[in-house]
């Protein structure tokens, strides 16, 4: 029975590891921006195609763990010493149902990270003073490496904090960031450089779409 418990813990550990791996491609851009670790954002982007499989693997592992923990016990299984609530096995938190719920909660938080990643970014300064309206320009930045809404939030945060940027919206689905800016204060190449240096994504090219 101890061997069975040990095996279950290993599978739970594998499930939790898969949950973390499935979320690394979304978490690292946030760490890159908030922690000043500009080079790490794209480090785990290669995991994005594997994300559905890692999530599926975790769900299967947790489903089996819940089945094992809560399945009705047969008459022959109840007399085992390890089923005694006072036994050392039951007292061990890693063998408990509570630990199973903790692992499940952490996994859910990992999977849902892109949907709440914006809460980690402070509000950006939107008080832009434009001396001359003819200085307003718009550009598209073509970015390589964004894989989720967490990546979008990281790019948006960096762009909006550049001097002269009026607004910025990016999409991981298209790989494009649309930026409105004061061309007397900042240039598209500077915005591209900020993304590459502070987030870690490669800006393949940019296109000025409006230049009064």
Protein backbone atom coordinates (compact mmCIF):
# COMPACT_ATOMS: atom_id res chain seq x y z
CA UNK A 1 0.00 0.00 0.00
CA UNK A 2 2.89 2.38 0.76
CA UNK A 3 4.20 1.67 -2.72
CA UNK A 4 0.79 2.58 -4.14
CA UNK A 5 0.73 5.85 -2.17
CA UNK A 6 4.23 6.69 -3.39
CA UNK A 7 3.19 6.01 -6.98
CA UNK A 8 0.14 8.26 -6.61
CA UNK A 9 2.31 11.09 -5.25
CA UNK A 10 4.65 10.74 -8.22
CA UNK A 11 1.76 10.96 -10.67
CA UNK A 12 0.36 13.99 -8.86
CA UNK A 13 3.79 15.59 -9.05
CA UNK A 14 3.93 14.85 -12.76
CA UNK A 15 0.48 16.39 -13.24
CA UNK A 16 1.48 19.54 -11.37
CA UNK A 17 4.71 19.77 -13.37
CA UNK A 18 2.71 19.48 -16.61
CA UNK A 19 0.39 22.28 -15.42
CA UNK A 20 3.36 24.53 -14.73
CA UNK A 21 4.96 23.66 -18.08
CA UNK A 22 1.69 24.45 -19.87
CA UNK A 23 1.71 27.93 -18.33
CA UNK A 24 5.39 28.87 -18.68
CA UNK A 25 4.89 30.35 -22.14
CA UNK A 26 2.36 32.78 -20.60
CA UNK A 27 4.09 33.49 -17.29
CA UNK A 28 7.60 34.24 -18.56
CA UNK A 29 6.63 37.44 -20.48
CA UNK A 30 5.14 38.85 -17.28
CA UNK A 31 8.29 37.94 -15.35
CA UNK A 32 10.38 39.51 -18.10
CA UNK A 33 8.58 42.84 -17.77
CA UNK A 34 8.06 43.02 -14.01
CA UNK A 35 11.40 41.45 -13.10
CA UNK A 36 13.51 43.16 -15.72
CA UNK A 37 14.43 39.82 -17.29
CA UNK A 38 14.03 40.87 -20.88
CA UNK A 39 15.62 37.82 -22.45
CA UNK A 40 13.38 35.14 -20.98
CA UNK A 41 10.01 36.00 -22.53
CA UNK A 42 10.40 33.83 -25.61
CA UNK A 43 12.39 31.08 -23.86
CA UNK A 44 9.37 28.83 -23.37
CA UNK A 45 7.26 29.91 -26.34
CA UNK A 46 8.04 26.55 -27.95
CA UNK A 47 5.76 24.98 -25.33
CA UNK A 48 2.67 26.72 -26.70
CA UNK A 49 1.81 23.99 -29.30
CA UNK A 50 2.08 21.42 -26.48
CA UNK A 51 -0.17 23.38 -24.11
CA UNK A 52 -3.44 21.49 -24.97
CA UNK A 53 -1.67 18.15 -24.49
CA UNK A 54 -0.11 19.19 -21.18
CA UNK A 55 -3.48 20.41 -19.93
CA UNK A 56 -5.12 17.18 -21.06
CA UNK A 57 -2.43 15.11 -19.34
CA UNK A 58 -2.92 17.05 -16.09
CA UNK A 59 -6.71 16.63 -16.24
CA UNK A 60 -6.36 12.87 -16.75
CA UNK A 61 -3.92 12.55 -13.84
CA UNK A 62 -6.12 14.60 -11.51
CA UNK A 63 -9.23 12.74 -12.63
CA UNK A 64 -7.60 9.42 -11.80
CA UNK A 65 -6.38 10.78 -8.45
CA UNK A 66 -9.89 11.94 -7.52
CA UNK A 67 -11.36 8.61 -8.59
CA UNK A 68 -8.84 6.75 -6.44
CA UNK A 69 -9.38 9.04 -3.45
CA UNK A 70 -13.17 9.10 -3.50
CA UNK A 71 -14.20 5.78 -5.04
CA UNK A 72 -16.40 3.60 -2.78
CA UNK A 73 -14.28 1.15 -0.81
CA UNK A 74 -14.81 -2.55 -1.09
CA UNK A 75 -15.31 -4.61 2.01
CA UNK A 76 -11.90 -6.23 1.71
CA UNK A 77 -10.10 -2.88 1.46
CA UNK A 78 -11.47 -1.31 4.64
CA UNK A 79 -9.56 -3.50 7.05
CA UNK A 80 -6.20 -2.28 5.79
CA UNK A 81 -4.18 -0.41 8.43
CA UNK A 82 -3.48 2.39 6.01
CA UNK A 83 -7.21 3.21 5.92
CA UNK A 84 -7.14 4.04 9.58
CA UNK A 85 -7.53 7.81 10.06
CA UNK A 86 -4.91 7.70 12.83
CA UNK A 87 -2.34 5.81 10.78
CA UNK A 88 0.91 7.59 9.79
CA UNK A 89 -0.08 7.35 6.10
CA UNK A 90 -3.31 9.24 6.73
CA UNK A 91 -1.56 11.84 8.87
CA UNK A 92 0.91 12.56 6.07
CA UNK A 93 -0.40 15.67 4.24
CA UNK A 94 1.04 14.46 0.93
CA UNK A 95 -1.20 11.39 1.16
CA UNK A 96 -4.33 13.37 2.04
CA UNK A 97 -7.30 14.51 0.00
CA UNK A 98 -6.48 18.06 1.06
CA UNK A 99 -3.18 17.84 -0.82
CA UNK A 100 -5.04 16.59 -3.89
CA UNK A 101 -7.30 19.65 -3.74
CA UNK A 102 -4.27 21.94 -3.31
CA UNK A 103 -2.62 20.45 -6.41
CA UNK A 104 -5.88 20.86 -8.32
CA UNK A 105 -6.24 24.48 -7.23
CA UNK A 106 -2.68 25.32 -8.24
CA UNK A 107 -3.19 23.62 -11.61
CA UNK A 108 -6.37 25.61 -12.30
CA UNK A 109 -4.57 28.85 -11.41
CA UNK A 110 -1.76 27.93 -13.79
CA UNK A 111 -4.14 27.16 -16.66
CA UNK A 112 -6.14 30.37 -16.13
CA UNK A 113 -3.11 32.66 -15.82
CA UNK A 114 -3.56 34.41 -19.19
CA UNK A 115 -7.07 35.53 -18.19
CA UNK A 116 -5.92 37.38 -15.07
CA UNK A 117 -2.32 38.30 -15.96
CA UNK A 118 -3.35 41.96 -16.36
CA UNK A 119 -3.70 42.36 -12.58
CA UNK A 120 0.08 42.17 -12.22
CA UNK A 121 0.64 45.30 -14.29
CA UNK A 122 0.24 48.72 -12.66
CA UNK A 123 -1.85 51.35 -14.40
CA UNK A 124 0.08 53.15 -17.12
CA UNK A 125 0.30 56.92 -17.40
CA UNK A 126 -2.20 58.09 -20.02
CA UNK A 127 -1.67 61.83 -19.56
CA UNK A 128 0.01 62.49 -22.90
CA UNK A 129 0.64 66.12 -23.81
CA UNK A 130 0.65 66.67 -27.57
CA UNK A 131 2.08 69.98 -28.66
CA UNK A 132 0.93 69.69 -32.26
CA UNK A 133 -1.80 67.39 -33.57
CA UNK A 134 0.12 67.02 -36.82
CA UNK A 135 2.68 65.03 -34.84
CA UNK A 136 0.23 62.15 -34.27
CA UNK A 137 1.18 59.01 -36.18
CA UNK A 138 0.13 55.36 -36.14
CA UNK A 139 2.14 52.22 -36.78
CA UNK A 140 1.83 48.45 -36.85
CA UNK A 141 4.57 46.39 -35.23
CA UNK A 142 4.85 42.78 -36.39
CA UNK A 143 5.94 40.74 -33.37
CA UNK A 144 7.15 37.15 -33.25
CA UNK A 145 6.59 35.01 -30.15
CA UNK A 146 3.29 36.14 -28.58
CA UNK A 147 1.19 33.11 -27.65
CA UNK A 148 -1.56 34.28 -25.25
CA UNK A 149 -3.30 37.27 -23.66
CA UNK A 150 -0.55 37.38 -21.03
CA UNK A 151 1.91 38.11 -23.84
CA UNK A 152 -0.39 40.87 -25.12
CA UNK A 153 -0.53 42.49 -21.68
CA UNK A 154 3.26 42.49 -21.43
CA UNK A 155 3.71 44.12 -24.84
CA UNK A 156 0.94 46.65 -24.19
CA UNK A 157 2.45 47.61 -20.84
CA UNK A 158 5.90 48.27 -22.31
CA UNK A 159 4.56 50.24 -25.27
CA UNK A 160 2.21 52.39 -23.20
CA UNK A 161 5.06 53.34 -20.89
CA UNK A 162 7.20 54.72 -23.70
CA UNK A 163 7.42 58.49 -23.81
CA UNK A 164 5.13 59.81 -26.55
CA UNK A 165 2.89 56.74 -26.90
CA UNK A 166 -0.78 57.67 -26.83
CA UNK A 167 -2.30 54.20 -27.09
CA UNK A 168 -1.19 50.64 -27.83
CA UNK A 169 -3.12 47.43 -28.44
CA UNK A 170 -1.58 44.11 -29.44
CA UNK A 171 -2.98 40.76 -30.52
CA UNK A 172 -1.21 37.44 -30.08
CA UNK A 173 -3.49 35.91 -32.72
CA UNK A 174 -2.27 38.24 -35.47
CA UNK A 175 1.13 39.03 -33.96
CA UNK A 176 0.49 42.74 -34.50
CA UNK A 177 0.66 45.70 -32.13
CA UNK A 178 -1.17 48.86 -33.21
CA UNK A 179 0.40 51.97 -31.73
CA UNK A 180 -0.64 55.63 -31.82
CA UNK A 181 2.19 57.95 -30.85
CA UNK A 182 3.66 61.45 -31.01
CA UNK A 183 6.30 61.19 -33.73
CA UNK A 184 8.19 64.17 -32.33
CA UNK A 185 8.90 62.17 -29.17
CA UNK A 186 9.31 58.56 -30.28
CA UNK A 187 9.97 56.55 -33.43
CA UNK A 188 8.68 53.08 -34.41
CA UNK A 189 12.19 51.68 -34.30
CA UNK A 190 12.49 52.81 -30.68
CA UNK A 191 9.22 51.06 -29.85
CA UNK A 192 10.48 47.89 -31.54
CA UNK A 193 13.72 48.11 -29.58
CA UNK A 194 11.80 48.52 -26.30
CA UNK A 195 9.79 45.36 -26.99
CA UNK A 196 12.90 43.34 -27.85
CA UNK A 197 14.94 44.63 -24.90
CA UNK A 198 12.30 44.64 -22.16
CA UNK A 199 9.97 41.79 -23.15
CA UNK A 200 12.24 39.63 -25.27
CA UNK A 201 10.10 39.20 -28.39
CA UNK A 202 11.50 39.80 -31.85
CA UNK A 203 9.89 42.59 -33.88
CA UNK A 204 10.17 41.36 -37.46
CA UNK A 205 9.14 44.65 -39.04
CA UNK A 206 6.97 47.71 -38.63
CA UNK A 207 4.68 49.70 -40.91
CA UNK A 208 3.66 53.33 -40.48
CA UNK A 209 -0.07 53.41 -41.27
CA UNK A 210 -0.77 57.06 -40.53
CA UNK A 211 1.72 59.92 -40.63
CA UNK A 212 0.15 63.39 -40.69
